Amino acid sequence: MKFMVSWQVGDDRRHEMLKLFAGMSEADAAAEFGNLKVIGRWHDLAGLAGVAIVETNDANALTLWLLKWNDAIDIQTAPVFDDAEARKLIRQALG
């Protein structure tokens, strides 16, 4: 299942989070996701916000990743669907 994870860094943690993120190596960045498949991650650097699309069937893996960051950022998570998946679900819901 795919999830959209969006986040916003609080004003009181802006520079701390910028330094932490900038100091991460490629290996650090890859390791932070555990067994989540990252489809993409995008950053609004001026607004210190962002969004990622990740895929997993393991709610524990998703939660562990989110818990690594939730002391410093506000996080929203929602399941998301591509067009074909959405149409199929809508058709089922509408009968």
Protein backbone atom coordinates (compact mmCIF):
# COMPACT_ATOMS: atom_id res chain seq x y z
CA MET A 1 0.00 0.00 0.00
CA LYS A 2 1.17 3.52 -0.78
CA PHE A 3 1.12 6.35 1.75
CA MET A 4 1.54 10.09 1.36
CA VAL A 5 3.50 11.50 4.26
CA SER A 6 3.57 15.28 4.53
CA TRP A 7 5.43 17.27 7.14
CA GLN A 8 6.11 20.74 8.46
CA VAL A 9 9.08 21.69 10.62
CA GLY A 10 8.19 23.92 13.55
CA ASP A 11 9.72 27.40 13.65
CA ASP A 12 11.56 26.56 16.87
CA ARG A 13 13.44 23.66 15.20
CA ARG A 14 14.18 25.14 11.74
CA HIS A 15 17.98 25.45 11.85
CA GLU A 16 18.42 22.32 13.93
CA MET A 17 16.52 20.25 11.35
CA LEU A 18 18.32 21.87 8.42
CA LYS A 19 21.69 20.99 9.96
CA LEU A 20 20.58 17.45 10.77
CA PHE A 21 19.25 16.80 7.28
CA ALA A 22 22.22 18.44 5.52
CA GLY A 23 24.61 16.30 7.57
CA MET A 24 23.05 13.02 6.46
CA SER A 25 25.03 10.89 4.02
CA GLU A 26 23.34 8.95 1.22
CA ALA A 27 23.75 5.82 3.37
CA ASP A 28 22.11 7.58 6.35
CA ALA A 29 19.21 8.68 4.17
CA ALA A 30 18.70 5.18 2.76
CA ALA A 31 18.95 3.53 6.19
CA GLU A 32 16.36 5.81 7.78
CA PHE A 33 13.54 4.19 5.79
CA GLY A 34 14.17 0.60 6.89
CA ASN A 35 12.19 -1.68 4.61
CA LEU A 36 9.90 1.06 3.26
CA LYS A 37 10.01 1.51 -0.51
CA VAL A 38 10.46 5.22 -1.21
CA ILE A 39 8.70 6.23 -4.40
CA GLY A 40 9.73 9.85 -4.04
CA ARG A 41 10.43 12.61 -1.55
CA TRP A 42 10.23 16.35 -2.18
CA HIS A 43 11.17 19.31 -0.02
CA ASP A 44 9.91 22.89 0.22
CA LEU A 45 13.13 24.32 1.64
CA ALA A 46 11.85 27.87 2.07
CA GLY A 47 8.77 26.69 3.96
CA LEU A 48 10.51 23.76 5.64
CA ALA A 49 7.79 21.38 4.58
CA GLY A 50 7.70 18.36 2.37
CA VAL A 51 5.99 15.27 1.11
CA ALA A 52 7.01 11.68 0.48
CA ILE A 53 5.26 8.76 -1.13
CA VAL A 54 6.27 5.46 0.43
CA GLU A 55 5.05 1.93 -0.12
CA THR A 56 4.75 -0.79 2.49
CA ASN A 57 2.47 -3.50 3.78
CA ASP A 58 4.09 -3.19 7.18
CA ALA A 59 2.40 -0.62 9.42
CA ASN A 60 5.15 -1.12 12.02
CA ALA A 61 7.86 -0.10 9.54
CA LEU A 62 5.95 3.04 8.59
CA THR A 63 5.31 3.94 12.22
CA LEU A 64 8.95 3.38 13.20
CA TRP A 65 10.10 5.77 10.47
CA LEU A 66 7.56 8.42 11.53
CA LEU A 67 8.52 8.10 15.19
CA LYS A 68 12.13 8.99 14.32
CA TRP A 69 10.97 12.46 13.29
CA ASN A 70 7.80 13.22 15.23
CA ASP A 71 9.55 15.11 18.03
CA ALA A 72 10.71 17.75 15.57
CA ILE A 73 8.06 17.94 12.84
CA ASP A 74 4.30 17.79 12.44
CA ILE A 75 3.43 14.78 10.28
CA GLN A 76 0.30 13.82 8.40
CA THR A 77 -0.08 10.39 6.79
CA ALA A 78 -2.76 9.08 4.45
CA PRO A 79 -3.12 6.09 2.14
CA VAL A 80 -3.03 7.13 -1.52
CA PHE A 81 -4.04 5.44 -4.74
CA ASP A 82 -3.10 5.80 -8.38
CA ASP A 83 -5.85 6.50 -10.93
CA ALA A 84 -6.68 2.86 -11.66
CA GLU A 85 -6.75 1.93 -7.96
CA ALA A 86 -8.95 4.95 -7.16
CA ARG A 87 -11.43 4.18 -9.94
CA LYS A 88 -11.73 0.55 -8.77
CA LEU A 89 -12.39 1.61 -5.16
CA ILE A 90 -14.88 4.29 -6.18
CA ARG A 91 -16.78 1.81 -8.35
CA GLN A 92 -16.91 -0.63 -5.43
CA ALA A 93 -18.16 2.10 -3.09
CA LEU A 94 -20.83 3.25 -5.52
CA GLY A 95 -21.98 -0.31 -6.22
